[in-house]
Amino acid sequence: MAEKLYRYKLWEKGVSLKGAVFLKVLSEKPQDINQLVNEAKKILSPQDDYGNLIEEMESFYQDLEEKGFIVSGATEEELRKKDRV
């Protein structure tokens, strides 16, 4: 019997290099968008425009949230509640 293989499930957009970085900086520890962008800028070019990165990251994370892969919220309690749904 062959071994079972695993991989990330890709959706219609696929995951770009930036998307891979956005996934890498995301963790179970709640972080605001500014913390996430600062971590991403350490991996991406420091010359990347901060405002554009925020917009791209928010759009990317919103897409993941709509597909049920991540949660967002104003408080840690809200995150926990959404995570249990």
C-alpha atoms as a PDB file:
ATOM      1  CA  MET A   1       0.000   0.000   0.000  1.00  0.00           C
ATOM      2  CA  ALA A   2       1.353   3.405  -0.977  1.00  0.00           C
ATOM      3  CA  GLU A   3       2.018   6.029   1.643  1.00  0.00           C
ATOM      4  CA  LYS A   4      -0.567   8.802   1.927  1.00  0.00           C
ATOM      5  CA  LEU A   5       0.480  12.215   0.616  1.00  0.00           C
ATOM      6  CA  TYR A   6      -0.527  15.604   2.014  1.00  0.00           C
ATOM      7  CA  ARG A   7      -0.406  19.180   0.751  1.00  0.00           C
ATOM      8  CA  TYR A   8      -2.052  22.531   1.235  1.00  0.00           C
ATOM      9  CA  LYS A   9      -5.392  22.811  -0.486  1.00  0.00           C
ATOM     10  CA  LEU A  10      -5.123  25.519  -3.122  1.00  0.00           C
ATOM     11  CA  TRP A  11      -8.151  27.499  -4.189  1.00  0.00           C
ATOM     12  CA  GLU A  12      -8.770  29.261  -7.478  1.00  0.00           C
ATOM     13  CA  LYS A  13      -6.275  32.032  -6.735  1.00  0.00           C
ATOM     14  CA  GLY A  14      -3.479  29.741  -5.662  1.00  0.00           C
ATOM     15  CA  VAL A  15      -0.926  31.134  -3.228  1.00  0.00           C
ATOM     16  CA  SER A  16       1.580  33.702  -4.423  1.00  0.00           C
ATOM     17  CA  LEU A  17       4.976  34.311  -2.861  1.00  0.00           C
ATOM     18  CA  LYS A  18       3.449  37.125  -0.803  1.00  0.00           C
ATOM     19  CA  GLY A  19       0.560  34.875   0.153  1.00  0.00           C
ATOM     20  CA  ALA A  20       3.021  32.264   1.390  1.00  0.00           C
ATOM     21  CA  VAL A  21       4.713  34.921   3.521  1.00  0.00           C
ATOM     22  CA  PHE A  22       1.335  36.109   4.823  1.00  0.00           C
ATOM     23  CA  LEU A  23       0.596  32.513   5.867  1.00  0.00           C
ATOM     24  CA  LYS A  24       4.029  32.117   7.448  1.00  0.00           C
ATOM     25  CA  VAL A  25       3.626  35.133   9.763  1.00  0.00           C
ATOM     26  CA  LEU A  26       0.139  34.096  10.864  1.00  0.00           C
ATOM     27  CA  SER A  27      -0.053  31.969  14.004  1.00  0.00           C
ATOM     28  CA  GLU A  28      -2.423  30.863  16.738  1.00  0.00           C
ATOM     29  CA  LYS A  29      -1.247  33.844  18.774  1.00  0.00           C
ATOM     30  CA  PRO A  30      -3.573  36.789  18.081  1.00  0.00           C
ATOM     31  CA  GLN A  31      -1.775  39.613  16.265  1.00  0.00           C
ATOM     32  CA  ASP A  32      -3.023  42.853  14.808  1.00  0.00           C
ATOM     33  CA  ILE A  33      -2.472  43.725  11.158  1.00  0.00           C
ATOM     34  CA  ASN A  34       0.448  46.055  11.958  1.00  0.00           C
ATOM     35  CA  GLN A  35       2.336  43.276  13.757  1.00  0.00           C
ATOM     36  CA  LEU A  36       1.691  40.916  10.857  1.00  0.00           C
ATOM     37  CA  VAL A  37       2.851  43.454   8.265  1.00  0.00           C
ATOM     38  CA  ASN A  38       6.017  44.194  10.250  1.00  0.00           C
ATOM     39  CA  GLU A  39       6.829  40.470  10.379  1.00  0.00           C
ATOM     40  CA  ALA A  40       6.096  40.087   6.655  1.00  0.00           C
ATOM     41  CA  LYS A  41       8.359  43.053   5.807  1.00  0.00           C
ATOM     42  CA  LYS A  42      11.265  41.224   7.494  1.00  0.00           C
ATOM     43  CA  ILE A  43      10.862  38.463   4.901  1.00  0.00           C
ATOM     44  CA  LEU A  44       9.739  40.532   1.932  1.00  0.00           C
ATOM     45  CA  SER A  45      11.529  43.619   0.679  1.00  0.00           C
ATOM     46  CA  PRO A  46      11.746  46.376   3.310  1.00  0.00           C
ATOM     47  CA  GLN A  47      10.964  48.752   0.431  1.00  0.00           C
ATOM     48  CA  ASP A  48       7.463  47.288   0.022  1.00  0.00           C
ATOM     49  CA  ASP A  49       4.901  50.002   0.652  1.00  0.00           C
ATOM     50  CA  TYR A  50       3.410  49.573   4.131  1.00  0.00           C
ATOM     51  CA  GLY A  51      -0.071  50.734   3.108  1.00  0.00           C
ATOM     52  CA  ASN A  52      -0.172  48.416   0.089  1.00  0.00           C
ATOM     53  CA  LEU A  53       0.956  45.470   2.211  1.00  0.00           C
ATOM     54  CA  ILE A  54      -1.835  46.149   4.709  1.00  0.00           C
ATOM     55  CA  GLU A  55      -4.417  46.198   1.905  1.00  0.00           C
ATOM     56  CA  GLU A  56      -3.043  43.029   0.293  1.00  0.00           C
ATOM     57  CA  MET A  57      -2.796  41.220   3.617  1.00  0.00           C
ATOM     58  CA  GLU A  58      -6.298  42.193   4.745  1.00  0.00           C
ATOM     59  CA  SER A  59      -7.719  41.027   1.413  1.00  0.00           C
ATOM     60  CA  PHE A  60      -5.778  37.750   1.593  1.00  0.00           C
ATOM     61  CA  TYR A  61      -6.848  37.056   5.184  1.00  0.00           C
ATOM     62  CA  GLN A  62     -10.467  38.007   4.446  1.00  0.00           C
ATOM     63  CA  ASP A  63     -10.491  35.444   1.644  1.00  0.00           C
ATOM     64  CA  LEU A  64      -9.112  32.794   4.003  1.00  0.00           C
ATOM     65  CA  GLU A  65     -11.673  33.705   6.661  1.00  0.00           C
ATOM     66  CA  GLU A  66     -14.559  33.469   4.189  1.00  0.00           C
ATOM     67  CA  LYS A  67     -13.338  29.977   3.266  1.00  0.00           C
ATOM     68  CA  GLY A  68     -13.200  29.000   6.948  1.00  0.00           C
ATOM     69  CA  PHE A  69      -9.421  28.683   7.304  1.00  0.00           C
ATOM     70  CA  ILE A  70      -8.813  31.505   9.792  1.00  0.00           C
ATOM     71  CA  VAL A  71     -10.769  33.726  12.179  1.00  0.00           C
ATOM     72  CA  SER A  72     -10.561  37.421  12.971  1.00  0.00           C
ATOM     73  CA  GLY A  73     -12.100  39.557  15.648  1.00  0.00           C
ATOM     74  CA  ALA A  74     -11.714  42.610  17.841  1.00  0.00           C
ATOM     75  CA  THR A  75     -10.880  40.633  21.005  1.00  0.00           C
ATOM     76  CA  GLU A  76      -9.289  37.319  21.944  1.00  0.00           C
ATOM     77  CA  GLU A  77     -12.668  36.186  23.318  1.00  0.00           C
ATOM     78  CA  GLU A  78     -14.298  36.884  19.956  1.00  0.00           C
ATOM     79  CA  LEU A  79     -11.568  34.844  18.252  1.00  0.00           C
ATOM     80  CA  ARG A  80     -12.158  31.912  20.614  1.00  0.00           C
ATOM     81  CA  LYS A  81     -15.925  32.022  20.013  1.00  0.00           C
ATOM     82  CA  LYS A  82     -15.485  32.069  16.232  1.00  0.00           C
ATOM     83  CA  ASP A  83     -12.923  29.296  16.399  1.00  0.00           C
ATOM     84  CA  ARG A  84     -15.405  26.985  18.122  1.00  0.00           C
ATOM     85  CA  VAL A  85     -18.170  27.448  15.555  1.00  0.00           C
END
